[in-house]
Amino acid sequence: MATRVDVTPAAAAMMRQLREQHGPLMFHQSGGCCDGSSPMCYLEGEFRTGGSDVLLESLAIEGVPEPIRFWMSASQFELWKHTHLTVDVVPGRGAGFSLEAPEGVRFLIRSRLLTEQEVVSLRDR
């Protein structure tokens, strides 16, 4: 089954660490410029989502007891709806309030276009 969002092993390890330290997590990617286009990691429910957001994926991360939901603003999704996202983590500090910042790393997105098969598979989701 096709997915819209996957994670690298390094990102999964950071998510496990953050989950142990803080509790249930969520991601939101709002769009815009600079770090606004980076995925931000929050405590679940700390960032309010609503009708202007799209739930892209509920990530199942080994060692994390609950799914980590990955949200994107609807306006950004409209531009990226044909894109597969991979959450990665790299050294350095981003701007913003993402939970990984104090660890000296930042989450980022690596992307590629969805294949025709993936587009068909995801059409009903």
N, C-alpha and C. Protein backbone atom coordinates (compact mmCIF):
# COMPACT_ATOMS: atom_id res chain seq x y z
N MET A 1 0.84 -1.18 0.00
CA MET A 1 0.00 0.00 0.00
C MET A 1 0.89 1.25 0.00
N ALA A 2 0.53 2.19 -0.81
CA ALA A 2 1.30 3.43 -0.92
C ALA A 2 1.11 4.30 0.32
N THR A 3 2.13 5.07 0.62
CA THR A 3 2.06 6.04 1.72
C THR A 3 2.43 7.41 1.19
N ARG A 4 2.00 8.43 1.88
CA ARG A 4 2.40 9.80 1.53
C ARG A 4 3.65 10.23 2.28
N VAL A 5 3.89 9.60 3.45
CA VAL A 5 5.00 10.01 4.30
C VAL A 5 5.70 8.77 4.85
N ASP A 6 7.01 8.75 4.76
CA ASP A 6 7.84 7.73 5.39
C ASP A 6 8.90 8.45 6.23
N VAL A 7 9.68 7.69 6.98
CA VAL A 7 10.75 8.27 7.79
C VAL A 7 12.03 7.47 7.59
N THR A 8 13.16 8.15 7.73
CA THR A 8 14.44 7.46 7.68
C THR A 8 14.69 6.79 9.04
N PRO A 9 15.59 5.82 9.09
CA PRO A 9 15.92 5.21 10.38
C PRO A 9 16.41 6.24 11.41
N ALA A 10 17.19 7.23 10.97
CA ALA A 10 17.68 8.26 11.90
C ALA A 10 16.52 9.09 12.45
N ALA A 11 15.56 9.44 11.59
CA ALA A 11 14.40 10.21 12.05
C ALA A 11 13.57 9.38 13.02
N ALA A 12 13.40 8.08 12.72
CA ALA A 12 12.64 7.21 13.63
C ALA A 12 13.31 7.13 15.00
N ALA A 13 14.64 7.04 15.02
CA ALA A 13 15.36 7.00 16.29
C ALA A 13 15.14 8.29 17.09
N MET A 14 15.17 9.43 16.41
CA MET A 14 14.93 10.71 17.10
C MET A 14 13.49 10.78 17.60
N MET A 15 12.55 10.27 16.82
CA MET A 15 11.15 10.26 17.27
C MET A 15 10.99 9.40 18.52
N ARG A 16 11.64 8.25 18.56
CA ARG A 16 11.59 7.40 19.76
C ARG A 16 12.15 8.14 20.97
N GLN A 17 13.28 8.81 20.78
CA GLN A 17 13.91 9.57 21.88
C GLN A 17 12.99 10.69 22.36
N LEU A 18 12.42 11.43 21.43
CA LEU A 18 11.52 12.53 21.80
C LEU A 18 10.26 12.00 22.48
N ARG A 19 9.75 10.86 22.02
CA ARG A 19 8.56 10.26 22.64
C ARG A 19 8.86 9.87 24.09
N GLU A 20 10.04 9.29 24.33
CA GLU A 20 10.43 8.92 25.70
C GLU A 20 10.54 10.14 26.60
N GLN A 21 11.07 11.23 26.06
CA GLN A 21 11.29 12.45 26.85
C GLN A 21 10.01 13.24 27.09
N HIS A 22 9.13 13.29 26.10
CA HIS A 22 8.03 14.25 26.14
C HIS A 22 6.63 13.66 26.12
N GLY A 23 6.46 12.45 25.60
CA GLY A 23 5.13 11.88 25.45
C GLY A 23 4.72 11.83 23.98
N PRO A 24 3.43 11.57 23.71
CA PRO A 24 2.94 11.43 22.34
C PRO A 24 3.25 12.66 21.48
N LEU A 25 3.59 12.39 20.21
CA LEU A 25 4.06 13.42 19.28
C LEU A 25 3.13 13.59 18.09
N MET A 26 3.30 14.70 17.40
CA MET A 26 2.65 14.96 16.12
C MET A 26 3.59 15.83 15.29
N PHE A 27 3.36 15.87 13.99
CA PHE A 27 4.09 16.76 13.08
C PHE A 27 3.10 17.64 12.36
N HIS A 28 3.54 18.85 12.05
CA HIS A 28 2.77 19.75 11.18
C HIS A 28 3.74 20.47 10.26
N GLN A 29 3.37 20.53 8.99
CA GLN A 29 4.16 21.28 8.02
C GLN A 29 3.25 22.33 7.42
N SER A 30 3.58 23.58 7.66
CA SER A 30 2.66 24.66 7.30
C SER A 30 2.89 25.26 5.94
N GLY A 31 4.07 25.14 5.40
CA GLY A 31 4.38 25.82 4.14
C GLY A 31 4.98 27.17 4.44
N GLY A 32 5.03 28.00 3.46
CA GLY A 32 5.63 29.31 3.65
C GLY A 32 7.11 29.26 3.35
N CYS A 33 7.82 30.23 3.83
CA CYS A 33 9.24 30.31 3.50
C CYS A 33 10.08 29.85 4.69
N CYS A 34 11.34 29.70 4.45
CA CYS A 34 12.32 29.37 5.48
C CYS A 34 11.92 28.11 6.22
N ASP A 35 11.94 28.14 7.54
CA ASP A 35 11.60 26.94 8.30
C ASP A 35 10.11 26.67 8.34
N GLY A 36 9.29 27.56 7.79
CA GLY A 36 7.86 27.28 7.69
C GLY A 36 7.57 26.10 6.78
N SER A 37 8.53 25.79 5.92
CA SER A 37 8.34 24.64 5.03
C SER A 37 8.98 23.38 5.60
N SER A 38 9.51 23.45 6.80
CA SER A 38 10.09 22.29 7.47
C SER A 38 9.03 21.63 8.36
N PRO A 39 9.13 20.32 8.54
CA PRO A 39 8.18 19.67 9.44
C PRO A 39 8.51 20.03 10.89
N MET A 40 7.51 20.43 11.62
CA MET A 40 7.69 20.78 13.03
C MET A 40 7.09 19.68 13.89
N CYS A 41 7.85 19.25 14.88
CA CYS A 41 7.42 18.19 15.79
C CYS A 41 6.93 18.83 17.09
N TYR A 42 5.73 18.46 17.50
CA TYR A 42 5.10 18.99 18.71
C TYR A 42 4.59 17.85 19.57
N LEU A 43 4.25 18.16 20.80
CA LEU A 43 3.48 17.22 21.60
C LEU A 43 2.13 17.06 20.93
N GLU A 44 1.60 15.85 20.92
CA GLU A 44 0.28 15.61 20.31
C GLU A 44 -0.73 16.59 20.88
N GLY A 45 -1.42 17.30 19.99
CA GLY A 45 -2.44 18.26 20.40
C GLY A 45 -1.92 19.64 20.73
N GLU A 46 -0.62 19.82 20.82
CA GLU A 46 -0.07 21.14 21.15
C GLU A 46 -0.26 22.12 19.99
N PHE A 47 -0.24 21.63 18.78
CA PHE A 47 -0.53 22.46 17.61
C PHE A 47 -1.95 22.13 17.17
N ARG A 48 -2.81 23.10 17.18
CA ARG A 48 -4.21 22.85 16.86
C ARG A 48 -4.39 22.72 15.35
N THR A 49 -5.05 21.64 14.97
CA THR A 49 -5.37 21.40 13.57
C THR A 49 -6.87 21.56 13.38
N GLY A 50 -7.26 21.81 12.15
CA GLY A 50 -8.67 21.98 11.85
C GLY A 50 -8.93 21.81 10.36
N GLY A 51 -9.96 22.47 9.89
CA GLY A 51 -10.38 22.34 8.49
C GLY A 51 -9.37 22.85 7.50
N SER A 52 -8.40 23.63 7.95
CA SER A 52 -7.38 24.14 7.03
C SER A 52 -6.14 23.25 7.02
N ASP A 53 -6.26 22.04 7.58
CA ASP A 53 -5.14 21.08 7.63
C ASP A 53 -5.58 19.74 7.06
N VAL A 54 -4.60 18.99 6.54
CA VAL A 54 -4.83 17.67 5.98
C VAL A 54 -3.96 16.67 6.73
N LEU A 55 -4.57 15.58 7.18
CA LEU A 55 -3.81 14.50 7.81
C LEU A 55 -3.23 13.64 6.69
N LEU A 56 -1.90 13.69 6.52
CA LEU A 56 -1.26 12.93 5.45
C LEU A 56 -1.01 11.49 5.82
N GLU A 57 -0.63 11.26 7.07
CA GLU A 57 -0.25 9.90 7.46
C GLU A 57 -0.28 9.78 8.98
N SER A 58 -0.59 8.58 9.45
CA SER A 58 -0.40 8.23 10.85
C SER A 58 0.78 7.27 10.86
N LEU A 59 1.92 7.77 11.27
CA LEU A 59 3.17 7.02 11.17
C LEU A 59 3.28 5.99 12.28
N ALA A 60 3.55 4.75 11.90
CA ALA A 60 3.80 3.68 12.87
C ALA A 60 5.32 3.57 13.02
N ILE A 61 5.82 4.00 14.16
CA ILE A 61 7.26 3.98 14.43
C ILE A 61 7.53 2.89 15.45
N GLU A 62 8.40 1.96 15.10
CA GLU A 62 8.73 0.87 16.03
C GLU A 62 9.24 1.46 17.34
N GLY A 63 8.70 0.97 18.44
CA GLY A 63 9.10 1.45 19.76
C GLY A 63 8.28 2.62 20.26
N VAL A 64 7.38 3.14 19.43
CA VAL A 64 6.47 4.22 19.84
C VAL A 64 5.08 3.61 19.93
N PRO A 65 4.44 3.66 21.10
CA PRO A 65 3.20 2.92 21.29
C PRO A 65 2.00 3.42 20.48
N GLU A 66 2.00 4.68 20.09
CA GLU A 66 0.87 5.21 19.33
C GLU A 66 1.38 5.79 18.01
N PRO A 67 0.48 5.90 17.02
CA PRO A 67 0.89 6.52 15.75
C PRO A 67 1.27 7.98 15.97
N ILE A 68 2.19 8.45 15.16
CA ILE A 68 2.57 9.87 15.14
C ILE A 68 1.91 10.47 13.91
N ARG A 69 0.96 11.35 14.12
CA ARG A 69 0.22 11.92 12.99
C ARG A 69 1.02 13.04 12.34
N PHE A 70 1.00 13.03 11.01
CA PHE A 70 1.72 14.03 10.21
C PHE A 70 0.68 14.84 9.44
N TRP A 71 0.59 16.13 9.80
CA TRP A 71 -0.38 17.05 9.21
C TRP A 71 0.33 18.03 8.29
N MET A 72 -0.41 18.56 7.33
CA MET A 72 0.09 19.61 6.45
C MET A 72 -1.05 20.61 6.21
N SER A 73 -0.70 21.88 6.09
CA SER A 73 -1.73 22.86 5.79
C SER A 73 -2.35 22.52 4.45
N ALA A 74 -3.65 22.73 4.32
CA ALA A 74 -4.37 22.38 3.09
C ALA A 74 -3.81 23.12 1.88
N SER A 75 -3.43 24.37 2.07
CA SER A 75 -2.88 25.14 0.93
C SER A 75 -1.55 24.55 0.47
N GLN A 76 -0.72 24.11 1.40
CA GLN A 76 0.54 23.47 1.04
C GLN A 76 0.27 22.12 0.38
N PHE A 77 -0.69 21.35 0.93
CA PHE A 77 -1.02 20.05 0.36
C PHE A 77 -1.49 20.19 -1.09
N GLU A 78 -2.23 21.22 -1.38
CA GLU A 78 -2.70 21.42 -2.75
C GLU A 78 -1.53 21.50 -3.72
N LEU A 79 -0.43 22.09 -3.29
CA LEU A 79 0.76 22.20 -4.13
C LEU A 79 1.59 20.91 -4.12
N TRP A 80 1.54 20.16 -3.03
CA TRP A 80 2.40 18.99 -2.85
C TRP A 80 1.65 17.67 -2.96
N LYS A 81 0.41 17.66 -3.40
CA LYS A 81 -0.40 16.43 -3.36
C LYS A 81 0.15 15.31 -4.23
N HIS A 82 1.02 15.59 -5.15
CA HIS A 82 1.62 14.56 -6.00
C HIS A 82 3.03 14.22 -5.53
N THR A 83 3.34 14.52 -4.27
CA THR A 83 4.69 14.35 -3.74
C THR A 83 4.70 13.36 -2.58
N HIS A 84 5.69 12.48 -2.60
CA HIS A 84 5.93 11.59 -1.47
C HIS A 84 6.99 12.25 -0.58
N LEU A 85 6.76 12.26 0.72
CA LEU A 85 7.66 12.91 1.66
C LEU A 85 8.38 11.86 2.51
N THR A 86 9.65 12.11 2.75
CA THR A 86 10.42 11.30 3.69
C THR A 86 10.98 12.23 4.75
N VAL A 87 10.61 11.99 6.00
CA VAL A 87 11.13 12.79 7.11
C VAL A 87 12.53 12.27 7.44
N ASP A 88 13.48 13.18 7.50
CA ASP A 88 14.85 12.84 7.86
C ASP A 88 15.27 13.78 8.99
N VAL A 89 16.41 13.51 9.58
CA VAL A 89 16.96 14.37 10.63
C VAL A 89 18.43 14.59 10.31
N VAL A 90 18.87 15.84 10.48
CA VAL A 90 20.26 16.21 10.18
C VAL A 90 20.80 17.08 11.31
N PRO A 91 22.12 17.15 11.46
CA PRO A 91 22.70 18.04 12.47
C PRO A 91 22.38 19.50 12.14
N GLY A 92 22.25 20.31 13.17
CA GLY A 92 22.00 21.73 12.99
C GLY A 92 20.71 22.14 13.66
N ARG A 93 20.53 23.43 13.76
CA ARG A 93 19.35 23.97 14.42
C ARG A 93 18.49 24.71 13.43
N GLY A 94 17.22 24.40 13.43
CA GLY A 94 16.27 25.17 12.65
C GLY A 94 15.64 26.23 13.53
N ALA A 95 14.91 27.10 12.91
CA ALA A 95 14.16 28.10 13.68
C ALA A 95 12.81 27.48 14.04
N GLY A 96 12.19 27.97 15.06
CA GLY A 96 10.88 27.48 15.41
C GLY A 96 10.87 26.76 16.74
N PHE A 97 9.77 26.08 16.97
CA PHE A 97 9.51 25.48 18.27
C PHE A 97 9.49 23.97 18.22
N SER A 98 10.10 23.38 17.21
CA SER A 98 10.09 21.93 17.06
C SER A 98 10.86 21.27 18.20
N LEU A 99 10.34 20.16 18.70
CA LEU A 99 10.89 19.52 19.90
C LEU A 99 12.33 19.04 19.77
N GLU A 100 12.80 18.78 18.55
CA GLU A 100 14.16 18.26 18.40
C GLU A 100 15.23 19.35 18.50
N ALA A 101 14.87 20.62 18.43
CA ALA A 101 15.85 21.72 18.40
C ALA A 101 16.88 21.64 19.54
N PRO A 102 16.49 21.39 20.79
CA PRO A 102 17.49 21.34 21.86
C PRO A 102 18.49 20.18 21.72
N GLU A 103 18.18 19.21 20.87
CA GLU A 103 19.06 18.07 20.68
C GLU A 103 20.17 18.37 19.66
N GLY A 104 20.15 19.57 19.07
CA GLY A 104 21.17 19.94 18.10
C GLY A 104 20.95 19.36 16.71
N VAL A 105 19.72 18.95 16.44
CA VAL A 105 19.36 18.41 15.14
C VAL A 105 18.07 19.07 14.67
N ARG A 106 17.73 18.82 13.40
CA ARG A 106 16.47 19.33 12.87
C ARG A 106 15.88 18.33 11.90
N PHE A 107 14.57 18.22 11.93
CA PHE A 107 13.88 17.40 10.94
C PHE A 107 13.81 18.17 9.64
N LEU A 108 13.86 17.45 8.54
CA LEU A 108 13.65 18.05 7.23
C LEU A 108 12.95 17.05 6.34
N ILE A 109 12.47 17.53 5.20
CA ILE A 109 11.74 16.69 4.26
C ILE A 109 12.59 16.45 3.03
N ARG A 110 12.64 15.20 2.62
CA ARG A 110 13.20 14.82 1.33
C ARG A 110 11.98 14.39 0.51
N SER A 111 11.91 14.81 -0.73
CA SER A 111 10.69 14.54 -1.50
C SER A 111 10.99 13.99 -2.88
N ARG A 112 9.99 13.34 -3.41
CA ARG A 112 10.01 12.86 -4.79
C ARG A 112 8.57 12.85 -5.28
N LEU A 113 8.39 12.83 -6.59
CA LEU A 113 7.04 12.73 -7.12
C LEU A 113 6.50 11.32 -6.89
N LEU A 114 5.21 11.24 -6.62
CA LEU A 114 4.55 9.94 -6.50
C LEU A 114 4.54 9.27 -7.87
N THR A 115 4.65 7.95 -7.88
CA THR A 115 4.52 7.21 -9.13
C THR A 115 3.04 7.19 -9.52
N GLU A 116 2.76 6.84 -10.76
CA GLU A 116 1.36 6.74 -11.20
C GLU A 116 0.60 5.72 -10.36
N GLN A 117 1.25 4.59 -10.03
CA GLN A 117 0.60 3.57 -9.20
C GLN A 117 0.28 4.12 -7.81
N GLU A 118 1.19 4.89 -7.23
CA GLU A 118 0.94 5.48 -5.91
C GLU A 118 -0.21 6.47 -5.96
N VAL A 119 -0.26 7.28 -7.00
CA VAL A 119 -1.35 8.26 -7.14
C VAL A 119 -2.69 7.54 -7.16
N VAL A 120 -2.78 6.46 -7.94
CA VAL A 120 -4.03 5.69 -8.01
C VAL A 120 -4.35 5.09 -6.64
N SER A 121 -3.37 4.51 -5.97
CA SER A 121 -3.57 3.89 -4.66
C SER A 121 -4.02 4.90 -3.61
N LEU A 122 -3.52 6.11 -3.69
CA LEU A 122 -3.83 7.13 -2.68
C LEU A 122 -5.08 7.94 -3.01
N ARG A 123 -5.64 7.77 -4.17
CA ARG A 123 -6.76 8.59 -4.62
C ARG A 123 -7.93 8.55 -3.64
N ASP A 124 -8.20 7.40 -3.05
CA ASP A 124 -9.37 7.27 -2.16
C ASP A 124 -9.05 7.59 -0.71
N ARG A 125 -7.83 7.98 -0.42
CA ARG A 125 -7.46 8.28 0.97
C ARG A 125 -7.56 9.73 1.24
